[in-house]
Amino acid sequence: MVVIVSSVSSDSHTWNLVYLQLAIEELGHRVINLGACVPDELLVDECLRVRPGLVVVSSVNGHGFIDGMRLIAQLRARPELAETPVAIGGMLGIAGPDGQRSQNLLRAAGYTAVFDDGARMPAFRSFVEQLDVSVNA
């Protein structure tokens, strides 16, 4: 499976993206890592070009919720990407323990999976493995 890994447009952190790339590659998938501060339009265009089996969006700066809501609206507005699995994770907000509400809103907006800052890698790996099984079934 081809997986696109990206940050949100306002996030300049890269270590999280490299870590995710290595973890996904360890599961046997090919990763296209778009890097930090990726404009929404660039991510949408790359998804249209590549047609990935999964898009993983990571945020460390605490603006993942705001940027993520805008981004998923743009991805889901494209009929070609309406069914593409998209996961978001990391530090999604700076408001404190509002996590479940934010996660619910992100899922309702169109994310397939949401992993907040407290989520552990085993949960993410399990999600990718389950997705891989359903894609290859």
Protein backbone atom coordinates (compact mmCIF):
# COMPACT_ATOMS: atom_id res chain seq x y z
CA MET A 1 0.00 0.00 0.00
CA VAL A 2 1.18 3.54 -0.74
CA VAL A 3 0.82 5.86 2.25
CA ILE A 4 1.18 9.63 2.15
CA VAL A 5 2.51 11.17 5.38
CA SER A 6 2.16 14.91 5.91
CA SER A 7 1.97 17.62 8.49
CA VAL A 8 -0.67 20.32 8.55
CA SER A 9 0.17 23.62 6.90
CA SER A 10 1.12 25.43 10.12
CA ASP A 11 3.34 22.70 11.58
CA SER A 12 7.09 22.85 10.95
CA HIS A 13 8.02 19.77 12.98
CA THR A 14 9.64 16.90 11.11
CA TRP A 15 10.77 14.28 13.64
CA ASN A 16 7.20 13.01 13.99
CA LEU A 17 6.93 12.57 10.22
CA VAL A 18 10.17 10.61 10.02
CA TYR A 19 9.07 8.42 12.93
CA LEU A 20 5.73 7.70 11.24
CA GLN A 21 7.43 6.98 7.94
CA LEU A 22 9.75 4.44 9.56
CA ALA A 23 6.89 2.80 11.48
CA ILE A 24 4.75 2.48 8.34
CA GLU A 25 7.66 1.19 6.26
CA GLU A 26 8.33 -1.36 8.99
CA LEU A 27 4.81 -2.66 8.31
CA GLY A 28 5.79 -3.18 4.68
CA HIS A 29 4.23 -0.15 3.01
CA ARG A 30 5.71 2.46 0.68
CA VAL A 31 5.66 5.98 2.14
CA ILE A 32 5.64 9.33 0.40
CA ASN A 33 6.61 11.83 3.10
CA LEU A 34 5.58 15.34 2.04
CA GLY A 35 7.31 16.93 5.02
CA ALA A 36 6.43 19.90 7.17
CA CYS A 37 4.26 22.97 6.50
CA VAL A 38 2.45 21.29 3.61
CA PRO A 39 -0.15 23.58 2.02
CA ASP A 40 -3.60 21.98 1.85
CA GLU A 41 -3.68 22.29 -1.93
CA LEU A 42 -0.37 20.45 -2.30
CA LEU A 43 -1.60 17.54 -0.20
CA VAL A 44 -4.85 17.33 -2.16
CA ASP A 45 -2.99 17.47 -5.49
CA GLU A 46 -0.56 14.76 -4.39
CA CYS A 47 -3.42 12.54 -3.24
CA LEU A 48 -5.14 12.98 -6.60
CA ARG A 49 -1.90 12.12 -8.40
CA VAL A 50 -0.88 9.12 -6.29
CA ARG A 51 -4.25 7.76 -5.09
CA PRO A 52 -2.80 6.45 -1.82
CA GLY A 53 -4.28 3.65 0.21
CA LEU A 54 -3.93 5.83 3.31
CA VAL A 55 -3.16 9.45 4.20
CA VAL A 56 -1.59 10.13 7.61
CA VAL A 57 -1.64 13.71 8.91
CA SER A 58 0.48 14.54 11.96
CA SER A 59 0.62 17.65 14.10
CA VAL A 60 2.90 18.54 16.99
CA ASN A 61 2.25 22.28 17.28
CA GLY A 62 -1.25 22.04 18.79
CA HIS A 63 -3.13 23.36 15.78
CA GLY A 64 -3.98 19.96 14.31
CA PHE A 65 -7.68 20.31 15.05
CA ILE A 66 -8.11 23.67 13.34
CA ASP A 67 -5.88 22.88 10.35
CA GLY A 68 -7.16 19.31 10.20
CA MET A 69 -10.80 20.36 9.94
CA ARG A 70 -9.99 22.64 7.01
CA LEU A 71 -7.84 19.98 5.34
CA ILE A 72 -10.35 17.13 5.55
CA ALA A 73 -13.05 19.33 4.04
CA GLN A 74 -10.81 19.91 1.02
CA LEU A 75 -9.92 16.22 0.69
CA ARG A 76 -13.52 15.04 1.01
CA ALA A 77 -14.75 17.69 -1.45
CA ARG A 78 -12.96 15.74 -4.19
CA PRO A 79 -15.08 12.76 -5.30
CA GLU A 80 -11.91 10.83 -6.14
CA LEU A 81 -10.78 11.07 -2.50
CA ALA A 82 -14.13 10.69 -0.77
CA GLU A 83 -13.40 7.12 0.32
CA THR A 84 -9.63 7.38 0.87
CA PRO A 85 -8.78 6.48 4.47
CA VAL A 86 -7.32 9.51 6.27
CA ALA A 87 -5.91 9.44 9.80
CA ILE A 88 -4.86 12.42 11.90
CA GLY A 89 -2.88 12.40 15.11
CA GLY A 90 -0.54 14.12 17.50
CA MET A 91 -1.15 17.23 19.51
CA LEU A 92 -4.47 18.21 18.00
CA GLY A 93 -5.32 21.10 20.29
CA ILE A 94 -4.13 23.42 23.01
CA ALA A 95 -7.41 23.71 24.93
CA GLY A 96 -6.65 21.00 27.47
CA PRO A 97 -8.82 17.94 28.18
CA ASP A 98 -11.32 18.50 25.38
CA GLY A 99 -9.92 15.51 23.51
CA GLN A 100 -12.98 13.32 23.05
CA ARG A 101 -15.12 16.18 21.74
CA SER A 102 -12.40 17.19 19.25
CA GLN A 103 -11.90 13.58 18.18
CA ASN A 104 -15.63 13.18 17.58
CA LEU A 105 -15.75 16.37 15.51
CA LEU A 106 -12.75 15.28 13.42
CA ARG A 107 -14.36 11.89 12.75
CA ALA A 108 -17.67 13.53 11.87
CA ALA A 109 -15.83 15.81 9.44
CA GLY A 110 -14.45 12.81 7.56
CA TYR A 111 -11.34 11.39 9.24
CA THR A 112 -11.26 7.60 9.30
CA ALA A 113 -9.19 7.54 12.49
CA VAL A 114 -8.07 10.08 15.09
CA PHE A 115 -5.12 9.55 17.42
CA ASP A 116 -4.71 12.26 20.03
CA ASP A 117 -1.48 13.01 21.83
CA GLY A 118 -2.15 10.32 24.42
CA ALA A 119 -2.58 7.54 21.84
CA ARG A 120 0.15 4.96 21.62
CA MET A 121 1.84 3.61 18.52
CA PRO A 122 0.35 0.12 18.96
CA ALA A 123 -3.11 1.58 18.32
CA PHE A 124 -1.88 3.30 15.16
CA ARG A 125 -0.06 0.19 13.94
CA SER A 126 -3.17 -1.90 14.56
CA PHE A 127 -5.23 0.59 12.52
CA VAL A 128 -2.77 0.39 9.60
CA GLU A 129 -2.64 -3.41 9.77
CA GLN A 130 -6.46 -3.69 9.80
CA LEU A 131 -6.69 -1.28 6.90
CA ASP A 132 -4.12 -3.29 4.96
CA VAL A 133 -6.10 -6.50 5.55
CA SER A 134 -9.33 -4.88 4.30
CA VAL A 135 -7.58 -3.42 1.22
CA ASN A 136 -5.99 -6.74 0.33
CA ALA A 137 -9.07 -8.87 1.09
